[in-house]
Protein backbone atom coordinates (compact mmCIF):
# COMPACT_ATOMS: atom_id res chain seq x y z
CA MET A 1 9.28 -3.45 28.14
CA GLY A 2 5.90 -4.09 29.79
CA SER A 3 4.96 -7.42 31.33
CA GLU A 4 1.20 -7.24 31.92
CA ASN A 5 -0.91 -9.08 29.34
CA ILE A 6 -3.51 -6.45 28.45
CA LEU A 7 -5.04 -8.32 25.50
CA GLU A 8 -5.28 -12.06 24.92
CA LEU A 9 -6.91 -14.04 22.11
CA LYS A 10 -7.49 -17.77 22.52
CA GLU A 11 -8.09 -20.29 19.72
CA ILE A 12 -9.51 -17.72 17.28
CA THR A 13 -10.97 -19.29 14.13
CA LYS A 14 -12.67 -17.55 11.22
CA ILE A 15 -13.90 -19.36 8.11
CA TYR A 16 -15.18 -17.80 4.88
CA PRO A 17 -16.63 -19.83 2.00
CA GLY A 18 -13.69 -21.78 0.60
CA VAL A 19 -11.10 -20.11 2.88
CA VAL A 20 -9.93 -20.68 6.47
CA ALA A 21 -8.87 -17.10 7.25
CA LEU A 22 -7.80 -17.86 10.84
CA ASP A 23 -7.07 -21.32 12.18
CA ASN A 24 -7.01 -21.68 15.97
CA VAL A 25 -4.83 -18.61 16.66
CA SER A 26 -3.83 -17.81 20.26
CA LEU A 27 -1.76 -14.72 21.03
CA LYS A 28 -1.04 -12.32 23.92
CA PHE A 29 -0.11 -8.62 23.84
CA ARG A 30 1.64 -6.77 26.66
CA SER A 31 1.31 -3.21 27.90
CA GLY A 32 4.30 -1.05 27.04
CA SER A 33 5.43 -3.40 24.26
CA VAL A 34 5.55 -3.06 20.46
CA HIS A 35 4.41 -6.39 19.00
CA ALA A 36 4.88 -6.88 15.25
CA ILE A 37 2.66 -9.10 13.12
CA VAL A 38 4.15 -10.17 9.79
CA GLY A 39 3.14 -12.53 7.02
CA GLU A 40 2.40 -12.72 3.32
CA ASN A 41 -0.71 -11.11 1.92
CA GLY A 42 -3.60 -13.45 2.66
CA ALA A 43 -1.86 -14.88 5.74
CA GLY A 44 -4.70 -13.76 8.04
CA LYS A 45 -3.27 -10.55 9.55
CA SER A 46 -6.15 -8.28 8.49
CA THR A 47 -8.80 -10.77 9.62
CA PHE A 48 -7.06 -11.08 12.99
CA ILE A 49 -7.05 -7.29 13.45
CA LYS A 50 -10.73 -7.07 12.50
CA VAL A 51 -11.56 -9.63 15.20
CA ILE A 52 -9.71 -7.52 17.78
CA THR A 53 -11.49 -4.30 16.74
CA GLY A 54 -14.91 -5.98 16.58
CA ALA A 55 -15.31 -5.36 12.84
CA ILE A 56 -15.96 -9.09 12.38
CA GLN A 57 -16.94 -11.87 14.75
CA ALA A 58 -14.81 -14.99 15.13
CA ASP A 59 -16.54 -18.32 14.49
CA LYS A 60 -14.71 -19.78 17.47
CA GLY A 61 -12.46 -18.54 20.24
CA GLU A 62 -12.33 -16.00 23.06
CA LEU A 63 -10.99 -12.48 23.62
CA PHE A 64 -9.80 -11.19 27.00
CA PHE A 65 -9.03 -7.57 27.87
CA GLN A 66 -7.20 -6.92 31.16
CA GLY A 67 -8.19 -10.42 32.21
CA GLU A 68 -11.92 -9.96 31.55
CA ARG A 69 -13.59 -11.87 28.73
CA ILE A 70 -15.03 -9.65 25.98
CA ARG A 71 -18.48 -10.90 25.02
CA HIS A 72 -20.12 -9.83 21.73
CA ASN A 73 -17.26 -7.60 20.66
CA SER A 74 -18.10 -4.64 18.39
CA PRO A 75 -16.28 -1.54 17.12
CA GLU A 76 -18.06 0.57 19.75
CA LYS A 77 -17.14 -1.82 22.57
CA ALA A 78 -13.50 -2.01 21.40
CA ILE A 79 -13.21 1.79 21.38
CA ASP A 80 -14.79 2.00 24.85
CA LEU A 81 -12.20 -0.47 26.14
CA GLY A 82 -9.37 1.59 24.65
CA ILE A 83 -8.61 -0.46 21.52
CA SER A 84 -7.96 1.70 18.46
CA ALA A 85 -6.70 1.00 14.93
CA ILE A 86 -4.96 3.16 12.34
CA TYR A 87 -5.24 1.68 8.87
CA GLN A 88 -3.12 2.17 5.75
CA GLU A 89 -6.08 3.98 4.15
CA LEU A 90 -6.52 6.82 6.64
CA ASN A 91 -10.01 7.41 8.02
CA LEU A 92 -10.04 11.21 8.04
CA LEU A 93 -12.38 13.86 6.67
CA PRO A 94 -10.09 16.05 4.54
CA HIS A 95 -12.26 19.18 4.45
CA LEU A 96 -12.58 19.36 8.25
CA SER A 97 -9.95 20.78 10.59
CA VAL A 98 -7.48 18.77 12.63
CA ALA A 99 -9.48 19.45 15.81
CA GLU A 100 -12.77 18.44 14.16
CA ASN A 101 -11.21 15.17 12.96
CA ILE A 102 -9.70 14.32 16.35
CA PHE A 103 -13.05 14.67 18.15
CA TYR A 104 -15.40 13.80 15.29
CA ASN A 105 -18.83 12.73 16.56
CA ARG A 106 -17.79 13.72 20.11
CA TYR A 107 -18.16 17.50 19.91
CA LYS A 108 -19.18 19.37 23.05
CA THR A 109 -21.98 21.79 22.31
CA HIS A 110 -23.43 24.84 24.02
CA PHE A 111 -27.11 25.48 23.26
CA GLY A 112 -26.76 23.14 20.29
CA LEU A 113 -23.71 24.94 18.87
CA ILE A 114 -20.18 23.52 18.70
CA ASP A 115 -17.74 25.39 20.92
CA PHE A 116 -14.84 25.51 18.43
CA LYS A 117 -12.48 27.36 20.78
CA SER A 118 -12.89 24.65 23.42
CA LEU A 119 -12.54 21.97 20.72
CA GLU A 120 -9.27 23.48 19.48
CA ARG A 121 -7.90 23.77 23.05
CA GLN A 122 -8.67 20.09 23.69
CA ALA A 123 -7.05 19.12 20.39
CA ALA A 124 -3.96 21.18 21.24
CA LEU A 125 -3.56 19.24 24.51
CA VAL A 126 -3.68 15.92 22.66
CA ILE A 127 -1.23 17.15 19.99
CA ASP A 128 1.14 18.45 22.70
CA ARG A 129 1.17 14.95 24.19
CA LEU A 130 2.57 13.72 20.87
CA GLY A 131 5.25 16.39 20.94
CA VAL A 132 4.59 17.58 17.38
CA ASP A 133 3.71 20.96 15.88
CA ILE A 134 0.29 20.75 14.18
CA ASN A 135 -2.18 23.63 14.09
CA PRO A 136 -5.57 22.36 15.36
CA LYS A 137 -7.27 24.81 12.96
CA ALA A 138 -5.48 23.47 9.86
CA LEU A 139 -7.55 21.56 7.31
CA VAL A 140 -6.50 17.92 7.07
CA LYS A 141 -6.38 18.12 3.25
CA ASP A 142 -3.54 20.65 3.55
CA LEU A 143 -1.35 18.31 5.62
CA SER A 144 1.21 15.83 4.27
CA ILE A 145 0.41 12.12 4.54
CA GLY A 146 2.83 11.88 7.45
CA TYR A 147 1.05 14.58 9.44
CA GLN A 148 -2.32 13.05 8.59
CA GLN A 149 -0.97 9.84 10.13
CA LEU A 150 -0.15 11.82 13.28
CA VAL A 151 -3.71 13.20 13.36
CA GLU A 152 -4.96 9.59 13.32
CA ILE A 153 -2.70 8.82 16.29
CA ALA A 154 -3.98 11.95 18.07
CA LYS A 155 -7.54 10.79 17.44
CA SER A 156 -6.72 7.47 19.14
CA LEU A 157 -5.05 9.22 22.09
CA SER A 158 -8.15 11.37 22.59
CA LYS A 159 -10.09 8.15 23.20
CA ASN A 160 -7.72 7.06 26.01
CA VAL A 161 -6.10 4.36 23.92
CA LYS A 162 -4.59 1.34 25.67
CA VAL A 163 -4.04 -0.89 22.64
CA LEU A 164 -3.04 0.85 19.39
CA ILE A 165 -3.03 -1.15 16.15
CA MET A 166 -0.91 0.35 13.34
CA ASP A 167 -1.54 -1.28 9.96
CA GLU A 168 1.23 -0.48 7.44
CA PRO A 169 1.84 2.99 8.92
CA SER A 170 4.97 3.62 6.85
CA ALA A 171 3.63 2.69 3.40
CA ALA A 172 3.26 6.28 2.12
CA LEU A 173 5.67 8.16 4.41
CA THR A 174 8.97 9.88 3.70
CA ASN A 175 11.94 8.96 5.90
CA THR A 176 11.54 12.20 7.86
CA GLU A 177 7.85 11.57 8.50
CA LEU A 178 8.60 7.99 9.49
CA LYS A 179 11.07 9.19 12.13
CA TYR A 180 8.28 11.27 13.71
CA VAL A 181 6.02 8.20 13.80
CA PHE A 182 8.79 6.04 15.33
CA GLN A 183 9.44 8.68 18.00
CA ILE A 184 5.76 8.72 18.91
CA VAL A 185 5.61 4.92 18.98
CA GLY A 186 8.48 5.01 21.49
CA LYS A 187 6.71 7.68 23.55
CA LEU A 188 3.44 5.71 23.67
CA LYS A 189 5.33 2.54 24.59
CA ARG A 190 6.92 4.35 27.55
CA GLU A 191 3.44 5.48 28.59
CA GLY A 192 2.34 1.85 28.78
CA VAL A 193 0.33 1.58 25.54
CA ALA A 194 0.40 -1.84 23.86
CA ILE A 195 1.18 -1.36 20.17
CA ILE A 196 0.40 -3.97 17.50
CA TYR A 197 2.55 -3.08 14.49
CA ILE A 198 1.87 -4.57 11.05
CA SER A 199 4.44 -3.92 8.33
CA HIS A 200 5.94 -5.56 5.26
CA ARG A 201 9.13 -3.54 5.77
CA LEU A 202 11.03 -6.00 7.91
CA GLU A 203 13.81 -3.54 8.72
CA GLU A 204 11.25 -1.53 10.72
CA ILE A 205 10.50 -4.57 12.88
CA PHE A 206 14.10 -4.69 14.05
CA GLU A 207 14.19 -0.94 14.67
CA ILE A 208 11.16 -0.42 16.90
CA CYS A 209 9.51 -3.74 17.87
CA ASP A 210 10.03 -5.95 20.92
CA GLU A 211 8.18 -9.09 19.84
CA VAL A 212 7.16 -10.50 16.47
CA SER A 213 4.52 -13.04 15.43
CA VAL A 214 4.49 -14.68 12.00
CA PHE A 215 1.23 -15.67 10.30
CA ARG A 216 1.03 -18.09 7.35
CA ASP A 217 -2.12 -19.43 5.68
CA GLY A 218 -4.31 -18.37 8.61
CA GLN A 219 -2.10 -19.96 11.24
CA LEU A 220 0.28 -18.52 13.82
CA VAL A 221 3.57 -20.25 13.00
CA ASP A 222 5.99 -18.47 15.33
CA THR A 223 6.24 -15.83 18.07
CA CYS A 224 9.57 -14.70 19.46
CA MET A 225 11.51 -11.75 20.81
CA VAL A 226 12.86 -9.59 17.99
CA ARG A 227 16.36 -9.75 19.48
CA ASP A 228 16.30 -13.55 19.08
CA THR A 229 15.60 -13.64 15.33
CA ASP A 230 16.80 -12.16 12.04
CA LYS A 231 15.36 -11.14 8.68
CA SER A 232 16.16 -14.44 6.97
CA SER A 233 14.41 -16.45 9.68
CA LEU A 234 11.29 -14.29 9.49
CA ILE A 235 11.12 -14.62 5.70
CA ARG A 236 11.58 -18.39 5.93
CA HIS A 237 8.68 -18.65 8.39
CA MET A 238 6.51 -16.30 6.30
CA VAL A 239 6.80 -17.91 2.88
CA ASN A 240 7.73 -21.53 3.69
CA ARG A 241 9.52 -21.71 0.34
CA PRO A 242 12.94 -20.65 -0.94
CA LEU A 243 13.22 -17.11 -2.32
CA ASN A 244 15.82 -16.12 -4.87
CA GLU A 245 17.90 -12.98 -4.46
CA THR A 246 15.89 -9.89 -3.55
CA PHE A 247 16.07 -8.33 -7.01
CA PRO A 248 16.34 -11.11 -9.59
CA LYS A 249 19.05 -10.33 -12.13
CA ILE A 250 18.44 -10.76 -15.86
CA GLU A 251 20.28 -9.82 -19.03
CA LEU A 252 18.16 -7.51 -21.17
CA LYS A 253 18.86 -6.34 -24.70
CA LYS A 254 17.46 -2.86 -25.34
CA GLY A 255 15.55 -2.66 -28.61
CA GLU A 256 14.21 0.19 -30.71
CA ARG A 257 12.63 3.32 -29.27
CA VAL A 258 8.95 2.77 -28.50
CA LEU A 259 7.92 5.82 -26.46
CA GLU A 260 9.12 9.39 -26.94
CA VAL A 261 7.88 12.34 -24.88
CA ARG A 262 8.79 15.86 -26.07
CA LYS A 263 8.46 19.02 -23.95
CA LEU A 264 5.39 17.80 -22.07
CA CYS A 265 3.78 20.49 -19.90
CA THR A 266 0.80 20.35 -17.55
CA PRO A 267 -0.23 22.67 -14.70
CA LEU A 268 2.16 20.64 -12.49
CA LEU A 269 4.90 19.64 -14.97
CA ASP A 270 7.44 21.66 -16.91
CA ASP A 271 9.23 20.61 -20.13
CA ILE A 272 9.27 16.83 -19.61
CA SER A 273 11.23 15.02 -22.35
CA PHE A 274 12.43 11.41 -22.34
CA SER A 275 12.44 8.21 -24.41
CA ALA A 276 11.86 4.54 -23.49
CA TYR A 277 12.94 1.49 -25.43
CA ARG A 278 11.63 -1.99 -26.11
CA GLY A 279 12.79 -4.43 -23.45
CA GLU A 280 13.88 -1.61 -21.11
CA ARG A 281 13.01 -1.10 -17.46
CA LEU A 282 13.00 2.68 -17.01
CA GLY A 283 12.90 3.87 -13.40
CA PHE A 284 11.54 7.21 -12.19
CA ALA A 285 12.93 8.54 -8.91
CA GLY A 286 12.19 11.62 -6.82
CA LEU A 287 10.80 12.73 -3.50
CA ILE A 288 7.07 12.68 -2.84
CA GLY A 289 5.53 15.55 -4.83
CA ALA A 290 8.33 15.58 -7.41
CA GLY A 291 5.88 14.93 -10.26
CA ARG A 292 6.60 11.28 -11.14
CA THR A 293 3.01 10.11 -10.83
CA GLU A 294 1.78 13.25 -12.60
CA VAL A 295 3.90 12.42 -15.68
CA MET A 296 2.33 8.97 -15.89
CA ARG A 297 -1.21 10.27 -15.33
CA ALA A 298 -0.69 12.72 -18.21
CA LEU A 299 0.60 9.94 -20.50
CA PHE A 300 -2.43 7.83 -19.56
CA GLY A 301 -4.93 10.63 -20.19
CA ALA A 302 -5.95 10.95 -16.56
CA ASP A 303 -4.62 14.54 -16.35
CA PRO A 304 -4.85 17.19 -19.12
CA ILE A 305 -1.75 18.11 -21.16
CA LYS A 306 -1.19 21.83 -21.85
CA SER A 307 1.50 21.36 -24.49
CA GLY A 308 4.04 18.89 -25.80
CA GLU A 309 4.04 15.76 -27.94
CA VAL A 310 3.91 12.03 -27.32
CA PHE A 311 5.09 9.48 -29.90
CA LEU A 312 4.47 5.74 -29.76
CA ASN A 313 6.29 3.46 -32.20
CA GLY A 314 7.19 6.54 -34.26
CA LYS A 315 3.61 7.80 -34.55
CA ARG A 316 2.37 10.92 -32.77
CA ILE A 317 -0.58 10.06 -30.54
CA ARG A 318 -3.22 12.21 -28.86
CA VAL A 319 -4.29 10.93 -25.47
CA LEU A 320 -7.20 12.94 -24.12
CA GLU A 321 -8.59 10.31 -21.75
CA PRO A 322 -7.60 6.85 -20.43
CA SER A 323 -9.57 5.02 -23.14
CA ASP A 324 -7.28 6.66 -25.74
CA ALA A 325 -4.19 5.41 -23.90
CA ILE A 326 -5.60 1.89 -23.64
CA GLU A 327 -6.38 1.92 -27.36
CA GLU A 328 -2.82 3.02 -28.18
CA GLY A 329 -1.25 0.35 -25.97
CA ILE A 330 -0.37 2.18 -22.73
CA ALA A 331 -1.28 0.59 -19.38
CA LEU A 332 -1.05 2.16 -15.93
CA ILE A 333 -1.01 0.23 -12.66
CA PRO A 334 -1.64 3.13 -10.24
CA GLU A 335 -0.18 3.47 -6.75
CA ASP A 336 -3.65 3.71 -5.17
CA ARG A 337 -5.01 0.31 -6.17
CA LYS A 338 -8.13 0.60 -4.00
CA ARG A 339 -9.40 3.89 -5.43
CA GLN A 340 -7.90 3.90 -8.92
CA GLY A 341 -6.78 0.39 -9.83
CA ALA A 342 -9.46 -2.09 -8.81
CA LEU A 343 -13.26 -2.06 -8.78
CA LEU A 344 -13.64 -3.40 -5.27
CA HIS A 345 -17.33 -4.26 -5.49
CA LEU A 346 -16.89 -6.36 -8.63
CA SER A 347 -15.54 -9.90 -8.76
CA VAL A 348 -11.99 -11.00 -9.50
CA GLY A 349 -13.09 -12.19 -12.94
CA GLU A 350 -14.96 -8.98 -13.79
CA ASN A 351 -11.94 -6.89 -12.79
CA ILE A 352 -9.57 -8.94 -14.94
CA SER A 353 -11.68 -8.79 -18.09
CA ILE A 354 -13.30 -5.35 -17.84
CA VAL A 355 -10.85 -3.33 -19.97
CA ASN A 356 -10.56 -6.05 -22.62
CA LEU A 357 -14.19 -6.86 -23.33
CA LYS A 358 -13.87 -5.75 -26.96
CA ASN A 359 -11.26 -8.44 -27.64
CA LEU A 360 -13.29 -11.04 -25.78
CA ALA A 361 -16.40 -10.38 -27.86
CA GLY A 362 -17.53 -12.61 -30.67
CA PRO A 363 -19.83 -11.84 -33.61
CA GLY A 364 -22.42 -9.18 -32.84
CA GLY A 365 -20.42 -7.89 -29.87
CA ILE A 366 -21.53 -10.73 -27.56
CA ILE A 367 -18.92 -11.68 -24.95
CA ASN A 368 -17.43 -15.13 -25.48
CA ARG A 369 -17.80 -16.36 -21.91
CA LYS A 370 -15.74 -19.51 -22.51
CA LYS A 371 -12.81 -17.48 -23.81
CA GLU A 372 -13.24 -14.95 -20.99
CA ASN A 373 -13.23 -17.66 -18.30
CA GLU A 374 -10.17 -19.33 -19.85
CA LYS A 375 -8.24 -16.05 -19.73
CA ILE A 376 -9.37 -15.30 -16.17
CA CYS A 377 -8.25 -18.78 -15.03
CA GLU A 378 -4.95 -18.42 -16.91
CA PHE A 379 -3.97 -15.14 -15.25
CA THR A 380 -5.32 -16.11 -11.82
CA HIS A 381 -3.08 -19.18 -11.93
CA GLU A 382 -0.07 -17.40 -13.48
CA LEU A 383 -0.06 -14.62 -10.86
CA ARG A 384 -0.97 -16.96 -7.99
CA ILE A 385 -3.95 -14.84 -6.98
CA LYS A 386 -5.18 -16.29 -3.70
CA THR A 387 -8.98 -16.43 -4.04
CA PRO A 388 -11.57 -19.18 -3.50
CA SER A 389 -12.94 -18.47 -7.00
CA SER A 390 -13.03 -15.83 -9.74
CA ALA A 391 -16.48 -14.87 -8.39
CA GLN A 392 -14.96 -13.57 -5.14
CA LEU A 393 -15.35 -9.80 -4.67
CA VAL A 394 -12.02 -7.99 -4.91
CA LYS A 395 -12.74 -6.04 -1.71
CA ASN A 396 -12.49 -9.35 0.19
CA LEU A 397 -8.92 -10.04 -1.01
CA SER A 398 -5.71 -9.01 0.74
CA GLY A 399 -3.81 -5.97 -0.54
CA GLY A 400 -1.22 -8.04 -2.39
CA ASN A 401 -3.86 -10.10 -4.14
CA GLN A 402 -5.77 -6.95 -5.09
CA GLN A 403 -2.54 -5.70 -6.67
CA LYS A 404 -2.22 -8.95 -8.63
CA VAL A 405 -5.79 -8.58 -9.93
CA VAL A 406 -4.92 -5.11 -11.25
CA LEU A 407 -1.82 -6.57 -12.91
CA ALA A 408 -3.85 -9.40 -14.47
CA LYS A 409 -6.26 -6.86 -15.97
CA TRP A 410 -3.48 -5.10 -17.86
CA LEU A 411 -1.64 -8.27 -18.85
CA LEU A 412 -4.80 -9.42 -20.59
CA VAL A 413 -4.84 -6.17 -22.61
CA ASP A 414 -1.28 -6.91 -23.87
CA SER A 415 -0.07 -3.28 -23.93
CA ASP A 416 3.29 -2.12 -25.36
CA VAL A 417 4.05 0.28 -22.47
CA ILE A 418 3.29 -0.84 -18.91
CA ILE A 419 3.65 1.75 -16.14
CA PHE A 420 4.06 0.44 -12.59
CA ASP A 421 3.49 3.17 -9.98
CA GLU A 422 4.72 1.92 -6.56
CA PRO A 423 3.99 -1.72 -7.55
CA THR A 424 5.12 -3.30 -4.25
CA ARG A 425 3.80 -0.74 -1.76
CA GLY A 426 2.16 -2.54 1.15
CA ILE A 427 2.78 -6.09 -0.08
CA ASP A 428 4.88 -8.86 1.39
CA VAL A 429 8.29 -10.20 0.41
CA GLY A 430 6.92 -13.27 -1.36
CA ALA A 431 4.48 -11.25 -3.48
CA LYS A 432 7.25 -8.74 -4.23
CA GLN A 433 9.39 -11.51 -5.68
CA GLU A 434 6.52 -12.60 -7.91
CA ILE A 435 5.98 -9.03 -9.17
CA TYR A 436 9.70 -8.53 -9.80
CA ASN A 437 9.82 -11.77 -11.77
CA LEU A 438 6.75 -10.68 -13.73
CA ILE A 439 8.34 -7.29 -14.55
CA ASN A 440 11.42 -9.11 -15.82
CA THR A 441 9.34 -11.52 -17.90
CA LEU A 442 7.45 -8.63 -19.49
CA ALA A 443 10.69 -6.79 -20.28
CA LEU A 444 12.19 -9.95 -21.80
CA SER A 445 9.11 -10.25 -24.03
CA GLY A 446 9.82 -6.77 -25.43
CA LYS A 447 7.48 -4.62 -23.33
CA VAL A 448 8.51 -1.14 -22.21
CA ILE A 449 8.44 -1.09 -18.41
CA ILE A 450 8.25 2.23 -16.56
CA LEU A 451 8.75 1.85 -12.82
CA ILE A 452 8.02 4.52 -10.21
CA SER A 453 9.19 3.68 -6.72
CA SER A 454 9.96 5.56 -3.53
CA GLU A 455 12.17 2.62 -2.50
CA MET A 456 15.64 3.43 -3.84
CA PRO A 457 16.96 -0.15 -3.45
CA GLU A 458 14.01 -1.30 -5.56
CA LEU A 459 14.75 1.27 -8.27
CA LEU A 460 18.45 0.41 -8.27
CA GLY A 461 17.72 -3.32 -8.32
CA MET A 462 15.02 -3.33 -11.00
CA SER A 463 15.92 -0.52 -13.43
CA ASP A 464 18.23 -0.32 -16.45
CA ARG A 465 18.14 3.49 -16.43
CA ILE A 466 16.78 5.99 -13.89
CA ILE A 467 15.24 9.42 -14.56
CA VAL A 468 15.19 11.70 -11.50
CA MET A 469 12.59 14.43 -10.94
CA ALA A 470 12.17 17.38 -8.58
CA GLU A 471 9.42 20.02 -8.46
CA GLY A 472 7.80 18.93 -11.71
CA ARG A 473 11.03 18.85 -13.74
CA ILE A 474 13.50 16.21 -14.86
CA THR A 475 16.73 17.01 -13.03
CA GLY A 476 18.92 14.06 -13.95
CA GLU A 477 19.29 10.78 -15.83
CA LEU A 478 21.50 7.90 -14.72
CA ASP A 479 22.49 4.66 -16.38
CA ILE A 480 22.20 1.89 -13.81
CA ALA A 481 25.96 1.25 -13.95
CA GLU A 482 26.60 4.74 -12.52
CA ALA A 483 23.47 5.13 -10.36
CA THR A 484 23.81 5.31 -6.57
CA GLN A 485 21.49 6.42 -3.79
CA GLU A 486 23.70 9.45 -3.23
CA LYS A 487 23.46 10.55 -6.89
CA ILE A 488 19.68 10.03 -6.92
CA MET A 489 19.31 12.12 -3.76
CA HIS A 490 21.53 14.83 -5.28
CA PHE A 491 19.28 15.17 -8.33
CA SER A 492 16.13 14.81 -6.20
CA SER A 493 16.99 17.90 -4.19
CA MET A 494 17.97 20.20 -7.09
């Protein structure tokens, strides 16, 4: 492990109206070391990273790079120094090639024309350094998420990276893709790159990281060597409150059938048939691309249905668009909360009430603002949404709090069927517990819960029954008493 302090931050403070995002944080990062940063959503991790990359300016404090103080940091200056960040939402242009993405805005031209052969040769050299097989001519949109992640790393390497920040790199990756990323992290570490690794998956910290720092409420509460700590200690530092067992156990009594899907077909799905019952938590398992999300999008009217029937409470329904699904009592919390779940440029309050304005309206269709504000306050408090006020823009919240806003929106609608697509992706252990408890509360109240998750322990811990899919088909169904990871993987690969 490296010993030279390449990057140092001293007494960094950042204050937003009503929120101290960072409170006097001092931290050092070493060359050739993988340094994890963990903490609940809203703990200050994202703000800290933005200070390092120059995306925001600290109100107080100093940054030092290789012993020299950085004055007036900016994204351009950070890149020039060799500081690069890879975010959970990848910053790639899907319709351009791998080579064009790696050197975007830095193309060498000859008489005003891009020399694509030279560009592809340069890209191939960078890709070879990673030790992976990616065609520089391939369009990024045709690559898996894992390979797109590798293109982001290649882009950073092409800029002579010395400090690489990886923000939730594993959130959307398969286990195979994650192994590639881990191998490359190890390779970069051996080359002397300092890696700042942010992840809510604590098991990853113990697999690839050397040091770990815990943030809570804008403060740095602990830094230690990974070998000197354990998962329980990290969680205790992160949440500062007792957590119950990982997947809270409840006794549920399955009621009558609420949802029935018969021979549903779309361009991506073939002969999908299943039922869901009142008070049931129905899990959907399968590898990425198996068709789980596509089933839910079809039920919600986001994707067209070619044939098949859907029954709700014994009545056949026609769902041609999402407004039809909402009217019938079907809610979808999508996996991509930023692009499909939340309206980032609207406030917390506007997001919570937007799909339920009809029920908040009084005579003449005028919104009852008092009733609206009461409901917004109720759900903000119930879900512990960390925001200075309901007027705060959702884009300024942490990922976990954005997820809670999306949940609040659908709880206000009071739907019969609530679909959770990857509900805990990219959120911390404390927020996960709150969402699990909420799912259980909804099931106890008689709601139908449909849960899609790529985390098999989550499916096994939170489902009463699991439907397994592969290549757009249902390949198996398991009662939770008989379900195991091995059986799920067997059906997933059929």
